[in-house]
Amino acid sequence: MKKIVSMFLSIILAFTVTSVGLAEIPQPNQSIQSQVTYQEALPGDILVITTITTYTPLARTGTDGSISKKYTYGGKEIGWAYLSATFDYNGTVAYATSAGGDITGENGWSGSGKSTWCSGNTAYLTGTLSGNNSVGVNLSLSCSPGGNLY
């Protein structure tokens, strides 16, 4: 009986050590941990659909995420804006460490003046969508000290 219990515990211990070791290896494609989508109406019949995505963290002290905005005018898609960012956090403070993104126009609209940067716990993207009129594009993605994106 002792041999069976000992063998069973050895198998569990070996599996636990193997699982922890494999979890620390960075994976090439992160999976989505959470995703939130909401809408807002801008002046001039422009509707914006915003999606914030948090990816499964590869490390305990950091997280990756993105925010995208789809712009429509009169029911037609006129463009997209996308900001991707990486954050470090430790339970007390959070920092945005990198940001990148783009603005793309569609159906006769164009994106221009794109700028991305990080400040404190927030990553930013600004620019303009131009077509029948101009729409200011402003995206920001922040991280709480606990690693939650908003």
Foldseek 3Di string as FASTA:
>chain_A
DVVVVVVVVVVVVVVVVVVVVVLLDDDPDWAWPDKDWDWDADPQQKIKIKMKTWTDDSDQFKTKIKMKIFIDHPRHTFWMKMKIWMKGADLPFIFTDDMDIDIQTDDQKGWDDWDWDTDGQKIWIWTWIDGPHIDTDIDMWGAGNNGDID
